[in-house]
Amino acid sequence: MRKGRKNDELREIRFTKDFTKNALGSVLVEFGDTRVITTASVEEGKPKWMEKDDPRGWLTAEYSLLPSSTNTRCQRERTKISGRTQEIQRLIGRSLRASIDLEKIPDLTITIDADVIQADGGTRTASICGGFLALKIAVEKLLEKGIIKENPIIEPVAAISAGIIDGEVRLDLCYEEDSHAQVDSNVVLTKSGKIIEFQTTAEGEPYEYSQMLEIFKTAENGIEKIIEIYEKV
């Protein structure tokens, strides 16, 4: 058991809504010492690659680490983004698109921005959780203003990390745990338990099928608790 927290216990989680002034929806999300500002911005029109007669709107995501968010200063990605950043942006985007009926936001593009101001593990999963709440806030305002006619949210989505450290399955890894994990996993689920992402990688020796199931079940329980926190927010 890790110091101060059970293996299946989440870090302290906080969501602060309307954290910034200008975005239609904004949330400061905190998972332990990881802090991410997530915002939802809405523009008229949809991407040029979409067919004109396509009835859907679109949702996309951008992710960035602030230079001072990590132990050693990371470089701003001004002209070319790294493969890691591309991977995380795509993960956030497809995770949140699974929560929304795009046909109910016609001719609109929603952009979720996730800016990590302090990184201590689990930034991508925290970004998905905060991003969903920012999206939900933005949707409520679009409905109030009559810009959209129906609520497009299908169901909440949430995400969490898990892994195997010293032979034990642990939930919601901080950076120190993540950097020493023998197996590292990110899980994204809908409220009803449908799988959006279940990415699990052995960093050292291969792991057993039974351990994979334990990782998933541990993450599933954690996600249920996160969605309960959503409802309080």
Protein backbone atom coordinates (compact mmCIF):
# COMPACT_ATOMS: atom_id res chain seq x y z
CA MET A 1 0.00 0.00 0.00
CA ARG A 2 1.34 3.48 -0.87
CA LYS A 3 1.85 6.03 1.83
CA GLY A 4 -1.30 7.94 2.75
CA ARG A 5 -3.55 6.41 0.09
CA LYS A 6 -5.03 2.98 -0.55
CA ASN A 7 -4.20 1.30 -3.85
CA ASP A 8 -7.76 1.78 -5.13
CA GLU A 9 -8.12 5.33 -3.81
CA LEU A 10 -8.25 8.44 -5.97
CA ARG A 11 -6.20 11.52 -5.23
CA GLU A 12 -8.14 14.50 -3.93
CA ILE A 13 -10.20 15.83 -6.86
CA ARG A 14 -11.60 19.34 -7.28
CA PHE A 15 -13.48 20.97 -10.15
CA THR A 16 -13.83 24.77 -10.09
CA LYS A 17 -16.37 25.90 -12.70
CA ASP A 18 -16.35 29.27 -14.51
CA PHE A 19 -12.64 29.58 -13.73
CA THR A 20 -11.97 31.98 -16.62
CA LYS A 21 -14.06 34.89 -17.87
CA ASN A 22 -14.13 34.72 -21.66
CA ALA A 23 -14.64 31.06 -22.59
CA LEU A 24 -18.23 29.85 -22.83
CA GLY A 25 -17.34 27.02 -20.44
CA SER A 26 -14.30 26.75 -18.19
CA VAL A 27 -13.13 24.50 -15.36
CA LEU A 28 -10.00 24.27 -13.27
CA VAL A 29 -9.50 20.56 -12.63
CA GLU A 30 -7.24 19.29 -9.85
CA PHE A 31 -6.17 15.68 -9.37
CA GLY A 32 -3.79 15.87 -6.42
CA ASP A 33 -0.99 18.19 -7.53
CA THR A 34 -1.96 18.00 -11.21
CA ARG A 35 -3.83 21.11 -12.28
CA VAL A 36 -5.31 21.79 -15.71
CA ILE A 37 -7.36 24.72 -17.00
CA THR A 38 -9.95 23.38 -19.44
CA THR A 39 -12.11 25.65 -21.58
CA ALA A 40 -14.81 25.19 -24.21
CA SER A 41 -15.03 27.77 -27.00
CA VAL A 42 -17.72 27.81 -29.68
CA GLU A 43 -17.46 29.15 -33.23
CA GLU A 44 -19.94 29.25 -36.09
CA GLY A 45 -19.14 26.96 -38.99
CA LYS A 46 -17.40 23.60 -39.16
CA PRO A 47 -14.06 22.33 -40.49
CA LYS A 48 -13.44 22.70 -44.23
CA TRP A 49 -12.86 18.97 -44.60
CA MET A 50 -16.48 18.23 -43.64
CA GLU A 51 -18.97 17.93 -46.50
CA LYS A 52 -21.38 20.86 -46.82
CA ASP A 53 -24.40 18.60 -46.54
CA ASP A 54 -23.03 16.81 -43.45
CA PRO A 55 -25.62 17.52 -40.73
CA ARG A 56 -23.06 17.33 -37.92
CA GLY A 57 -21.16 20.05 -36.14
CA TRP A 58 -17.72 19.23 -34.77
CA LEU A 59 -15.74 19.02 -31.54
CA THR A 60 -11.96 19.14 -31.40
CA ALA A 61 -9.32 19.54 -28.69
CA GLU A 62 -5.95 21.17 -28.10
CA TYR A 63 -3.56 20.33 -25.25
CA SER A 64 -0.44 22.02 -23.97
CA LEU A 65 1.99 21.96 -21.08
CA LEU A 66 2.96 25.36 -19.74
CA PRO A 67 6.76 25.73 -19.55
CA SER A 68 6.83 25.78 -15.74
CA SER A 69 4.32 22.95 -15.30
CA THR A 70 7.02 20.28 -15.04
CA ASN A 71 10.09 19.79 -12.83
CA THR A 72 12.37 21.11 -15.57
CA ARG A 73 11.13 23.84 -17.92
CA CYS A 74 9.56 22.39 -21.06
CA GLN A 75 9.69 24.25 -24.36
CA ARG A 76 6.60 25.92 -25.78
CA GLU A 77 5.39 24.14 -28.91
CA ARG A 78 5.03 27.21 -31.14
CA THR A 79 5.32 25.89 -34.68
CA LYS A 80 5.38 22.09 -34.49
CA ILE A 81 3.74 19.98 -31.83
CA SER A 82 5.28 16.77 -30.55
CA GLY A 83 3.93 13.29 -31.22
CA ARG A 84 2.92 13.04 -27.54
CA THR A 85 0.88 16.24 -27.75
CA GLN A 86 -0.83 15.07 -30.96
CA GLU A 87 -1.69 11.74 -29.33
CA ILE A 88 -3.18 13.43 -26.25
CA GLN A 89 -5.18 15.96 -28.30
CA ARG A 90 -6.69 13.18 -30.38
CA LEU A 91 -7.52 11.19 -27.25
CA ILE A 92 -9.29 14.16 -25.64
CA GLY A 93 -11.17 14.94 -28.84
CA ARG A 94 -12.45 11.44 -29.54
CA SER A 95 -13.30 10.89 -25.87
CA LEU A 96 -15.49 13.99 -25.71
CA ARG A 97 -17.06 13.38 -29.13
CA ALA A 98 -18.33 10.11 -27.66
CA SER A 99 -20.34 12.16 -25.13
CA ILE A 100 -22.18 14.35 -27.62
CA ASP A 101 -24.60 14.00 -30.55
CA LEU A 102 -22.85 16.11 -33.20
CA GLU A 103 -26.05 16.41 -35.26
CA LYS A 104 -27.53 18.50 -32.45
CA ILE A 105 -24.81 21.16 -32.79
CA PRO A 106 -25.16 21.83 -36.54
CA ASP A 107 -22.81 24.37 -38.13
CA LEU A 108 -20.90 24.82 -34.87
CA THR A 109 -17.36 23.90 -33.87
CA ILE A 110 -16.58 23.42 -30.19
CA THR A 111 -12.91 23.54 -29.23
CA ILE A 112 -11.79 22.13 -25.90
CA ASP A 113 -8.49 23.60 -24.72
CA ALA A 114 -6.57 21.86 -21.95
CA ASP A 115 -3.65 23.85 -20.57
CA VAL A 116 -1.61 22.08 -17.92
CA ILE A 117 -0.36 24.56 -15.33
CA GLN A 118 1.09 21.92 -13.00
CA ALA A 119 1.88 18.33 -13.97
CA ASP A 120 2.11 15.48 -11.48
CA GLY A 121 0.83 12.54 -13.50
CA GLY A 122 -2.51 11.92 -15.19
CA THR A 123 -2.67 15.15 -17.17
CA ARG A 124 -4.47 13.58 -20.13
CA THR A 125 -7.11 11.91 -17.98
CA ALA A 126 -7.62 15.08 -15.92
CA SER A 127 -7.99 17.01 -19.20
CA ILE A 128 -10.77 14.69 -20.34
CA CYS A 129 -12.65 15.05 -17.06
CA GLY A 130 -12.31 18.83 -16.93
CA GLY A 131 -12.99 19.04 -20.66
CA PHE A 132 -16.30 17.22 -20.28
CA LEU A 133 -17.47 19.59 -17.55
CA ALA A 134 -16.38 22.64 -19.58
CA LEU A 135 -18.32 21.21 -22.54
CA LYS A 136 -21.40 20.65 -20.39
CA ILE A 137 -21.30 24.24 -19.11
CA ALA A 138 -20.95 25.57 -22.68
CA VAL A 139 -23.86 23.43 -23.88
CA GLU A 140 -26.10 24.75 -21.10
CA LYS A 141 -25.33 28.32 -22.19
CA LEU A 142 -25.97 27.50 -25.86
CA LEU A 143 -29.37 26.12 -24.88
CA GLU A 144 -30.18 29.19 -22.76
CA LYS A 145 -29.32 31.48 -25.68
CA GLY A 146 -31.37 29.42 -28.13
CA ILE A 147 -28.35 28.77 -30.35
CA ILE A 148 -29.08 25.04 -30.19
CA LYS A 149 -32.53 23.54 -29.76
CA GLU A 150 -31.80 20.21 -28.04
CA ASN A 151 -29.33 19.07 -25.43
CA PRO A 152 -26.64 17.19 -27.39
CA ILE A 153 -25.01 15.53 -24.37
CA ILE A 154 -25.58 11.77 -24.60
CA GLU A 155 -23.94 10.84 -21.30
CA PRO A 156 -20.93 11.85 -19.21
CA VAL A 157 -17.47 10.48 -19.90
CA ALA A 158 -14.55 10.32 -17.48
CA ALA A 159 -11.00 9.01 -17.46
CA ILE A 160 -8.38 7.79 -15.01
CA SER A 161 -4.94 6.23 -14.98
CA ALA A 162 -3.97 2.98 -13.30
CA GLY A 163 -0.95 0.71 -13.27
CA ILE A 164 1.07 -1.99 -11.62
CA ILE A 165 3.82 -0.95 -9.22
CA ASP A 166 5.78 -3.47 -7.15
CA GLY A 167 3.32 -6.12 -8.30
CA GLU A 168 0.26 -4.21 -7.04
CA VAL A 169 -2.50 -2.54 -9.05
CA ARG A 170 -2.79 1.13 -8.16
CA LEU A 171 -5.29 3.78 -9.20
CA ASP A 172 -4.68 7.38 -10.28
CA LEU A 173 -0.90 7.42 -10.53
CA CYS A 174 1.10 10.50 -9.62
CA TYR A 175 4.28 11.23 -11.59
CA GLU A 176 6.59 9.34 -9.22
CA GLU A 177 4.41 6.23 -9.41
CA ASP A 178 3.92 6.52 -13.17
CA SER A 179 7.67 6.79 -13.80
CA HIS A 180 8.29 3.53 -11.90
CA ALA A 181 5.27 1.54 -13.11
CA GLN A 182 5.80 -1.91 -14.59
CA VAL A 183 2.43 -1.54 -16.34
CA ASP A 184 0.81 1.78 -17.26
CA SER A 185 -2.83 2.21 -18.27
CA ASN A 186 -5.28 4.95 -19.24
CA VAL A 187 -9.00 4.17 -19.20
CA VAL A 188 -11.84 6.30 -20.61
CA LEU A 189 -15.44 5.19 -20.06
CA THR A 190 -18.95 6.53 -20.42
CA LYS A 191 -21.21 6.73 -17.39
CA SER A 192 -22.99 3.56 -18.57
CA GLY A 193 -19.67 1.72 -18.68
CA LYS A 194 -19.02 1.70 -22.43
CA ILE A 195 -15.32 1.73 -23.33
CA ILE A 196 -13.83 4.64 -25.28
CA GLU A 197 -10.18 3.91 -24.50
CA PHE A 198 -8.42 1.12 -22.64
CA GLN A 199 -4.71 1.53 -23.35
CA THR A 200 -2.42 -0.67 -21.29
CA THR A 201 1.32 -1.07 -21.82
CA ALA A 202 3.95 -3.20 -20.13
CA GLU A 203 6.98 -1.03 -19.45
CA GLY A 204 9.02 -4.05 -18.33
CA GLU A 205 7.97 -7.67 -18.08
CA PRO A 206 4.68 -8.79 -19.68
CA TYR A 207 1.65 -8.91 -17.40
CA GLU A 208 -1.07 -11.50 -16.87
CA TYR A 209 -4.60 -11.41 -18.28
CA SER A 210 -5.96 -11.49 -14.73
CA GLN A 211 -3.94 -8.37 -13.92
CA MET A 212 -5.38 -6.60 -16.96
CA LEU A 213 -8.89 -7.34 -15.71
CA GLU A 214 -7.96 -6.07 -12.25
CA ILE A 215 -6.58 -2.86 -13.74
CA PHE A 216 -9.79 -2.32 -15.69
CA LYS A 217 -12.08 -3.01 -12.74
CA THR A 218 -10.05 -0.71 -10.48
CA ALA A 219 -10.22 2.06 -13.08
CA GLU A 220 -13.93 1.46 -13.63
CA ASN A 221 -14.63 1.93 -9.92
CA GLY A 222 -12.55 5.12 -9.92
CA ILE A 223 -14.45 6.52 -12.91
CA GLU A 224 -17.77 5.86 -11.18
CA LYS A 225 -16.57 7.97 -8.26
CA ILE A 226 -15.41 10.78 -10.56
CA ILE A 227 -18.82 10.93 -12.25
CA GLU A 228 -20.42 11.17 -8.79
CA ILE A 229 -18.21 14.24 -8.21
CA TYR A 230 -19.39 15.67 -11.55
CA GLU A 231 -22.97 15.57 -10.33
CA LYS A 232 -22.04 17.51 -7.18
CA VAL A 233 -20.38 20.19 -9.30
